[in-house]
PDB file of N, CA and C in Angstrom:
ATOM      1  N   MET A   1      14.364-191.919 -24.046  1.00  0.00           N
ATOM      2  CA  MET A   1      15.601-192.387 -23.315  1.00  0.00           C
ATOM      3  C   MET A   1      16.721-192.725 -24.537  1.00  0.00           C
ATOM      4  N   LYS A   2      16.279-193.080 -25.615  1.00  0.00           N
ATOM      5  CA  LYS A   2      17.273-193.599 -26.677  1.00  0.00           C
ATOM      6  C   LYS A   2      18.189-192.533 -27.172  1.00  0.00           C
ATOM      7  N   ASN A   3      17.523-191.155 -27.262  1.00  0.00           N
ATOM      8  CA  ASN A   3      18.313-190.061 -27.658  1.00  0.00           C
ATOM      9  C   ASN A   3      19.507-189.652 -26.556  1.00  0.00           C
ATOM     10  N   ALA A   4      19.040-189.729 -25.219  1.00  0.00           N
ATOM     11  CA  ALA A   4      19.881-189.529 -24.206  1.00  0.00           C
ATOM     12  C   ALA A   4      21.215-190.560 -24.235  1.00  0.00           C
ATOM     13  N   THR A   5      20.967-191.793 -24.479  1.00  0.00           N
ATOM     14  CA  THR A   5      21.943-192.667 -24.467  1.00  0.00           C
ATOM     15  C   THR A   5      22.854-192.531 -25.696  1.00  0.00           C
ATOM     16  N   THR A   6      22.331-192.319 -26.853  1.00  0.00           N
ATOM     17  CA  THR A   6      23.045-192.172 -27.998  1.00  0.00           C
ATOM     18  C   THR A   6      23.796-190.935 -27.951  1.00  0.00           C
ATOM     19  N   ASP A   7      23.192-189.926 -27.655  1.00  0.00           N
ATOM     20  CA  ASP A   7      24.058-188.592 -27.316  1.00  0.00           C
ATOM     21  C   ASP A   7      25.134-188.675 -26.531  1.00  0.00           C
ATOM     22  N   HIS A   8      24.887-189.401 -25.325  1.00  0.00           N
ATOM     23  CA  HIS A   8      26.023-189.537 -24.442  1.00  0.00           C
ATOM     24  C   HIS A   8      27.116-190.440 -24.807  1.00  0.00           C
ATOM     25  N   LEU A   9      26.694-191.701 -25.432  1.00  0.00           N
ATOM     26  CA  LEU A   9      27.711-192.663 -25.789  1.00  0.00           C
ATOM     27  C   LEU A   9      28.579-192.295 -27.078  1.00  0.00           C
ATOM     28  N   PHE A  10      27.816-191.723 -27.984  1.00  0.00           N
ATOM     29  CA  PHE A  10      28.444-191.473 -29.355  1.00  0.00           C
ATOM     30  C   PHE A  10      28.783-190.069 -29.618  1.00  0.00           C
ATOM     31  N   LYS A  11      28.760-189.229 -28.605  1.00  0.00           N
ATOM     32  CA  LYS A  11      28.996-187.678 -28.831  1.00  0.00           C
ATOM     33  C   LYS A  11      30.535-187.677 -28.855  1.00  0.00           C
ATOM     34  N   SER A  12      30.885-186.952 -29.966  1.00  0.00           N
ATOM     35  CA  SER A  12      32.378-186.700 -30.217  1.00  0.00           C
ATOM     36  C   SER A  12      32.866-185.427 -29.377  1.00  0.00           C
ATOM     37  N   GLU A  13      33.925-185.666 -28.515  1.00  0.00           N
ATOM     38  CA  GLU A  13      34.285-184.599 -27.760  1.00  0.00           C
ATOM     39  C   GLU A  13      35.197-183.619 -28.658  1.00  0.00           C
ATOM     40  N   LYS A  14      35.208-182.486 -28.463  1.00  0.00           N
ATOM     41  CA  LYS A  14      35.953-181.663 -29.194  1.00  0.00           C
ATOM     42  C   LYS A  14      37.389-181.743 -28.530  1.00  0.00           C
ATOM     43  N   LYS A  15      38.456-181.906 -29.253  1.00  0.00           N
ATOM     44  CA  LYS A  15      39.764-181.887 -28.635  1.00  0.00           C
ATOM     45  C   LYS A  15      40.354-180.604 -28.722  1.00  0.00           C
ATOM     46  N   LYS A  16      41.157-180.379 -27.613  1.00  0.00           N
ATOM     47  CA  LYS A  16      41.849-179.178 -27.490  1.00  0.00           C
ATOM     48  C   LYS A  16      43.072-179.146 -28.334  1.00  0.00           C
ATOM     49  N   PRO A  17      43.427-178.007 -28.897  1.00  0.00           N
ATOM     50  CA  PRO A  17      44.618-177.878 -29.863  1.00  0.00           C
ATOM     51  C   PRO A  17      45.883-178.331 -28.972  1.00  0.00           C
ATOM     52  N   GLU A  18      45.938-178.128 -27.698  1.00  0.00           N
ATOM     53  CA  GLU A  18      47.006-178.398 -26.979  1.00  0.00           C
ATOM     54  C   GLU A  18      47.226-179.937 -26.741  1.00  0.00           C
ATOM     55  N   ASP A  19      46.172-180.680 -26.918  1.00  0.00           N
ATOM     56  CA  ASP A  19      46.433-182.211 -26.805  1.00  0.00           C
ATOM     57  C   ASP A  19      47.156-182.914 -27.929  1.00  0.00           C
ATOM     58  N   ARG A  20      47.123-182.228 -29.141  1.00  0.00           N
ATOM     59  CA  ARG A  20      47.900-182.805 -30.245  1.00  0.00           C
ATOM     60  C   ARG A  20      49.413-182.798 -29.987  1.00  0.00           C
ATOM     61  N   PRO A  21      50.068-181.711 -29.625  1.00  0.00           N
ATOM     62  CA  PRO A  21      51.555-182.049 -29.431  1.00  0.00           C
ATOM     63  C   PRO A  21      51.868-182.883 -28.182  1.00  0.00           C
ATOM     64  N   ASP A  22      50.978-182.901 -27.211  1.00  0.00           N
ATOM     65  CA  ASP A  22      51.182-183.728 -25.998  1.00  0.00           C
ATOM     66  C   ASP A  22      51.117-185.267 -26.511  1.00  0.00           C
ATOM     67  N   GLN A  23      50.207-185.637 -27.372  1.00  0.00           N
ATOM     68  CA  GLN A  23      50.151-186.994 -27.917  1.00  0.00           C
ATOM     69  C   GLN A  23      51.467-187.343 -28.668  1.00  0.00           C
ATOM     70  N   ALA A  24      51.934-186.304 -29.479  1.00  0.00           N
ATOM     71  CA  ALA A  24      53.172-186.651 -30.214  1.00  0.00           C
ATOM     72  C   ALA A  24      54.294-186.691 -29.358  1.00  0.00           C
ATOM     73  N   THR A  25      54.340-185.920 -28.256  1.00  0.00           N
ATOM     74  CA  THR A  25      55.488-185.951 -27.345  1.00  0.00           C
ATOM     75  C   THR A  25      55.533-187.230 -26.598  1.00  0.00           C
ATOM     76  N   LEU A  26      54.198-187.838 -26.168  1.00  0.00           N
ATOM     77  CA  LEU A  26      54.228-189.077 -25.509  1.00  0.00           C
ATOM     78  C   LEU A  26      54.477-190.336 -26.455  1.00  0.00           C
ATOM     79  N   ALA A  27      54.021-190.117 -27.689  1.00  0.00           N
ATOM     80  CA  ALA A  27      54.379-191.195 -28.604  1.00  0.00           C
ATOM     81  C   ALA A  27      55.962-191.076 -28.845  1.00  0.00           C
ATOM     82  N   ALA A  28      56.625-190.099 -29.036  1.00  0.00           N
ATOM     83  CA  ALA A  28      57.912-190.072 -29.197  1.00  0.00           C
ATOM     84  C   ALA A  28      58.834-190.614 -28.007  1.00  0.00           C
ATOM     85  N   ARG A  29      58.268-190.283 -26.873  1.00  0.00           N
ATOM     86  CA  ARG A  29      58.965-190.661 -25.675  1.00  0.00           C
ATOM     87  C   ARG A  29      58.700-192.238 -25.436  1.00  0.00           C
ATOM     88  N   ALA A  30      57.731-192.716 -25.869  1.00  0.00           N
ATOM     89  CA  ALA A  30      57.498-194.223 -25.767  1.00  0.00           C
ATOM     90  C   ALA A  30      58.430-194.967 -26.721  1.00  0.00           C
ATOM     91  N   ILE A  31      58.628-194.383 -28.004  1.00  0.00           N
ATOM     92  CA  ILE A  31      59.367-194.986 -29.016  1.00  0.00           C
ATOM     93  C   ILE A  31      60.766-194.826 -28.535  1.00  0.00           C
ATOM     94  N   THR A  32      61.110-193.848 -27.950  1.00  0.00           N
ATOM     95  CA  THR A  32      62.631-193.670 -27.530  1.00  0.00           C
ATOM     96  C   THR A  32      62.923-194.709 -26.486  1.00  0.00           C
ATOM     97  N   GLU A  33      61.961-194.776 -25.493  1.00  0.00           N
ATOM     98  CA  GLU A  33      62.211-195.813 -24.351  1.00  0.00           C
ATOM     99  C   GLU A  33      62.221-197.238 -24.887  1.00  0.00           C
ATOM    100  N   GLN A  34      61.471-197.534 -25.843  1.00  0.00           N
ATOM    101  CA  GLN A  34      61.483-198.864 -26.523  1.00  0.00           C
ATOM    102  C   GLN A  34      62.941-199.169 -27.145  1.00  0.00           C
ATOM    103  N   GLU A  35      63.340-198.166 -27.852  1.00  0.00           N
ATOM    104  CA  GLU A  35      64.548-198.244 -28.510  1.00  0.00           C
ATOM    105  C   GLU A  35      65.739-198.369 -27.435  1.00  0.00           C
ATOM    106  N   ALA A  36      65.617-197.616 -26.428  1.00  0.00           N
ATOM    107  CA  ALA A  36      66.719-197.681 -25.326  1.00  0.00           C
ATOM    108  C   ALA A  36      66.800-199.029 -24.750  1.00  0.00           C
ATOM    109  N   ALA A  37      65.563-199.656 -24.412  1.00  0.00           N
ATOM    110  CA  ALA A  37      65.546-200.979 -23.750  1.00  0.00           C
ATOM    111  C   ALA A  37      66.049-202.019 -24.828  1.00  0.00           C
ATOM    112  N   ALA A  38      65.632-201.911 -26.021  1.00  0.00           N
ATOM    113  CA  ALA A  38      66.318-202.856 -27.011  1.00  0.00           C
ATOM    114  C   ALA A  38      67.724-202.754 -27.171  1.00  0.00           C
ATOM    115  N   ARG A  39      68.143-201.584 -27.083  1.00  0.00           N
ATOM    116  CA  ARG A  39      69.767-201.397 -27.224  1.00  0.00           C
ATOM    117  C   ARG A  39      70.382-201.847 -26.114  1.00  0.00           C
ATOM    118  N   GLY A  40      69.852-201.756 -24.815  1.00  0.00           N
ATOM    119  CA  GLY A  40      70.388-202.207 -23.541  1.00  0.00           C
ATOM    120  C   GLY A  40      70.402-203.720 -23.518  1.00  0.00           C
ATOM    121  N   LYS A  41      69.435-204.404 -24.154  1.00  0.00           N
ATOM    122  CA  LYS A  41      69.369-205.768 -24.136  1.00  0.00           C
ATOM    123  C   LYS A  41      70.321-206.360 -25.015  1.00  0.00           C
ATOM    124  N   LYS A  42      70.500-205.613 -26.204  1.00  0.00           N
ATOM    125  CA  LYS A  42      71.504-206.044 -27.199  1.00  0.00           C
ATOM    126  C   LYS A  42      72.841-205.883 -26.672  1.00  0.00           C
ATOM    127  N   THR A  43      73.183-204.830 -25.976  1.00  0.00           N
ATOM    128  CA  THR A  43      74.443-204.562 -25.368  1.00  0.00           C
ATOM    129  C   THR A  43      74.739-205.652 -24.441  1.00  0.00           C
ATOM    130  N   ALA A  44      73.842-205.940 -23.493  1.00  0.00           N
ATOM    131  CA  ALA A  44      74.125-207.051 -22.363  1.00  0.00           C
ATOM    132  C   ALA A  44      74.460-208.399 -23.109  1.00  0.00           C
ATOM    133  N   ARG A  45      73.621-208.592 -24.114  1.00  0.00           N
ATOM    134  CA  ARG A  45      73.838-209.872 -24.922  1.00  0.00           C
ATOM    135  C   ARG A  45      75.326-209.947 -25.578  1.00  0.00           C
ATOM    136  N   LEU A  46      75.526-208.858 -26.252  1.00  0.00           N
ATOM    137  CA  LEU A  46      76.888-208.861 -26.825  1.00  0.00           C
ATOM    138  C   LEU A  46      78.034-208.844 -25.830  1.00  0.00           C
ATOM    139  N   LYS A  47      77.924-208.271 -24.700  1.00  0.00           N
ATOM    140  CA  LYS A  47      78.892-208.263 -23.610  1.00  0.00           C
ATOM    141  C   LYS A  47      79.058-209.717 -23.094  1.00  0.00           C
ATOM    142  N   GLN A  48      77.947-210.451 -22.883  1.00  0.00           N
ATOM    143  CA  GLN A  48      78.042-211.812 -22.386  1.00  0.00           C
ATOM    144  C   GLN A  48      78.708-212.678 -23.335  1.00  0.00           C
ATOM    145  N   LEU A  49      78.341-212.485 -24.602  1.00  0.00           N
ATOM    146  CA  LEU A  49      79.005-213.298 -25.690  1.00  0.00           C
ATOM    147  C   LEU A  49      80.518-212.989 -25.812  1.00  0.00           C
ATOM    148  N   ARG A  50      80.948-211.842 -25.644  1.00  0.00           N
ATOM    149  CA  ARG A  50      82.321-211.502 -25.682  1.00  0.00           C
ATOM    150  C   ARG A  50      82.973-212.031 -24.522  1.00  0.00           C
ATOM    151  N   THR A  51      82.593-211.919 -23.270  1.00  0.00           N
ATOM    152  CA  THR A  51      83.151-212.562 -22.208  1.00  0.00           C
ATOM    153  C   THR A  51      83.360-213.994 -22.214  1.00  0.00           C
ATOM    154  N   GLU A  52      82.366-214.701 -22.803  1.00  0.00           N
ATOM    155  CA  GLU A  52      82.392-216.092 -22.899  1.00  0.00           C
ATOM    156  C   GLU A  52      83.459-216.456 -23.956  1.00  0.00           C
ATOM    157  N   ARG A  53      83.478-215.768 -25.133  1.00  0.00           N
ATOM    158  CA  ARG A  53      84.509-215.932 -25.964  1.00  0.00           C
ATOM    159  C   ARG A  53      85.941-215.639 -25.551  1.00  0.00           C
ATOM    160  N   GLU A  54      86.091-214.742 -24.800  1.00  0.00           N
ATOM    161  CA  GLU A  54      87.496-214.421 -24.165  1.00  0.00           C
ATOM    162  C   GLU A  54      87.827-215.433 -23.307  1.00  0.00           C
ATOM    163  N   ALA A  55      87.012-215.930 -22.429  1.00  0.00           N
ATOM    164  CA  ALA A  55      87.265-217.039 -21.490  1.00  0.00           C
ATOM    165  C   ALA A  55      87.648-218.341 -22.278  1.00  0.00           C
ATOM    166  N   ALA A  56      86.834-218.557 -23.352  1.00  0.00           N
ATOM    167  CA  ALA A  56      87.320-219.878 -24.212  1.00  0.00           C
ATOM    168  C   ALA A  56      88.561-219.671 -24.857  1.00  0.00           C
ATOM    169  N   ASP A  57      88.862-218.425 -25.338  1.00  0.00           N
ATOM    170  CA  ASP A  57      90.268-218.258 -25.977  1.00  0.00           C
ATOM    171  C   ASP A  57      91.354-218.272 -24.970  1.00  0.00           C
ATOM    172  N   ALA A  58      91.039-217.881 -23.784  1.00  0.00           N
ATOM    173  CA  ALA A  58      92.193-217.949 -22.617  1.00  0.00           C
ATOM    174  C   ALA A  58      92.346-219.388 -22.372  1.00  0.00           C
ATOM    175  N   GLN A  59      91.401-220.187 -22.368  1.00  0.00           N
ATOM    176  CA  GLN A  59      91.556-221.574 -22.040  1.00  0.00           C
ATOM    177  C   GLN A  59      92.267-222.440 -23.220  1.00  0.00           C
ATOM    178  N   ASN A  60      92.015-222.095 -24.435  1.00  0.00           N
ATOM    179  CA  ASN A  60      92.646-222.675 -25.607  1.00  0.00           C
ATOM    180  C   ASN A  60      93.942-222.247 -26.064  1.00  0.00           C
ATOM    181  N   ALA A  61      94.250-220.880 -25.426  1.00  0.00           N
ATOM    182  CA  ALA A  61      95.581-220.335 -25.873  1.00  0.00           C
ATOM    183  C   ALA A  61      96.681-221.259 -25.352  1.00  0.00           C
ATOM    184  N   PRO A  62      97.804-221.356 -26.130  1.00  0.00           N
ATOM    185  CA  PRO A  62      98.949-222.120 -25.716  1.00  0.00           C
ATOM    186  C   PRO A  62      99.656-221.062 -24.691  1.00  0.00           C
ATOM    187  N   ALA A  63     100.413-221.882 -23.832  1.00  0.00           N
ATOM    188  CA  ALA A  63     101.165-221.149 -22.865  1.00  0.00           C
ATOM    189  C   ALA A  63     102.314-220.428 -23.579  1.00  0.00           C
ATOM    190  N   GLU A  64     102.393-219.135 -23.150  1.00  0.00           N
ATOM    191  CA  GLU A  64     103.480-218.318 -23.652  1.00  0.00           C
ATOM    192  C   GLU A  64     104.833-218.704 -23.069  1.00  0.00           C
ATOM    193  N   SER A  65     105.751-218.812 -23.802  1.00  0.00           N
ATOM    194  CA  SER A  65     107.219-219.112 -23.283  1.00  0.00           C
ATOM    195  C   SER A  65     107.741-217.718 -22.605  1.00  0.00           C
ATOM    196  N   THR A  66     108.403-218.029 -21.556  1.00  0.00           N
ATOM    197  CA  THR A  66     108.989-216.866 -20.989  1.00  0.00           C
ATOM    198  C   THR A  66     110.378-216.565 -21.414  1.00  0.00           C
ATOM    199  N   LYS A  67     110.986-217.416 -22.247  1.00  0.00           N
ATOM    200  CA  LYS A  67     112.208-217.266 -22.840  1.00  0.00           C
ATOM    201  C   LYS A  67     112.283-216.087 -23.743  1.00  0.00           C
ATOM    202  N   LYS A  68     113.396-215.297 -23.671  1.00  0.00           N
ATOM    203  CA  LYS A  68     113.599-214.258 -24.649  1.00  0.00           C
ATOM    204  C   LYS A  68     114.508-214.723 -25.751  1.00  0.00           C
ATOM    205  N   ARG A  69     114.203-214.132 -26.874  1.00  0.00           N
ATOM    206  CA  ARG A  69     115.147-214.515 -27.901  1.00  0.00           C
ATOM    207  C   ARG A  69     116.335-213.761 -27.867  1.00  0.00           C
ATOM    208  N   LYS A  70     117.496-214.291 -28.270  1.00  0.00           N
ATOM    209  CA  LYS A  70     118.669-213.458 -28.376  1.00  0.00           C
ATOM    210  C   LYS A  70     118.599-212.737 -29.612  1.00  0.00           C
ATOM    211  N   PRO A  71     119.034-211.478 -29.517  1.00  0.00           N
ATOM    212  CA  PRO A  71     119.145-210.555 -30.642  1.00  0.00           C
ATOM    213  C   PRO A  71     120.025-211.103 -31.631  1.00  0.00           C
ATOM    214  N   GLN A  72     119.739-210.978 -32.922  1.00  0.00           N
ATOM    215  CA  GLN A  72     120.798-211.541 -33.950  1.00  0.00           C
ATOM    216  C   GLN A  72     121.708-210.464 -34.238  1.00  0.00           C
ATOM    217  N   LYS A  73     122.897-210.912 -34.408  1.00  0.00           N
ATOM    218  CA  LYS A  73     124.071-209.973 -34.806  1.00  0.00           C
ATOM    219  C   LYS A  73     123.865-209.627 -36.183  1.00  0.00           C
ATOM    220  N   ARG A  74     124.135-208.412 -36.435  1.00  0.00           N
ATOM    221  CA  ARG A  74     124.079-207.953 -37.813  1.00  0.00           C
ATOM    222  C   ARG A  74     125.433-208.131 -38.391  1.00  0.00           C
ATOM    223  N   LYS A  75     125.272-208.420 -39.635  1.00  0.00           N
ATOM    224  CA  LYS A  75     126.540-208.818 -40.399  1.00  0.00           C
ATOM    225  C   LYS A  75     127.122-207.553 -41.151  1.00  0.00           C
TER     226      LYS A  75
END
């Protein structure tokens, strides 16, 4: 019984040559998805900060006068 259990549990399976590229593809896709998610989070955070800053700038900006300057005469 000991041999049957050890052979079954610790038997190394031979891997197919086709599995290696598939593993690399899956790993590359996972890395790409993680980077895309991180980039999306960063973009959303920066967009929110920009809109907040623009709103604060709009409130703090002095009112622009509607008067036009008279053009100066050339001498």
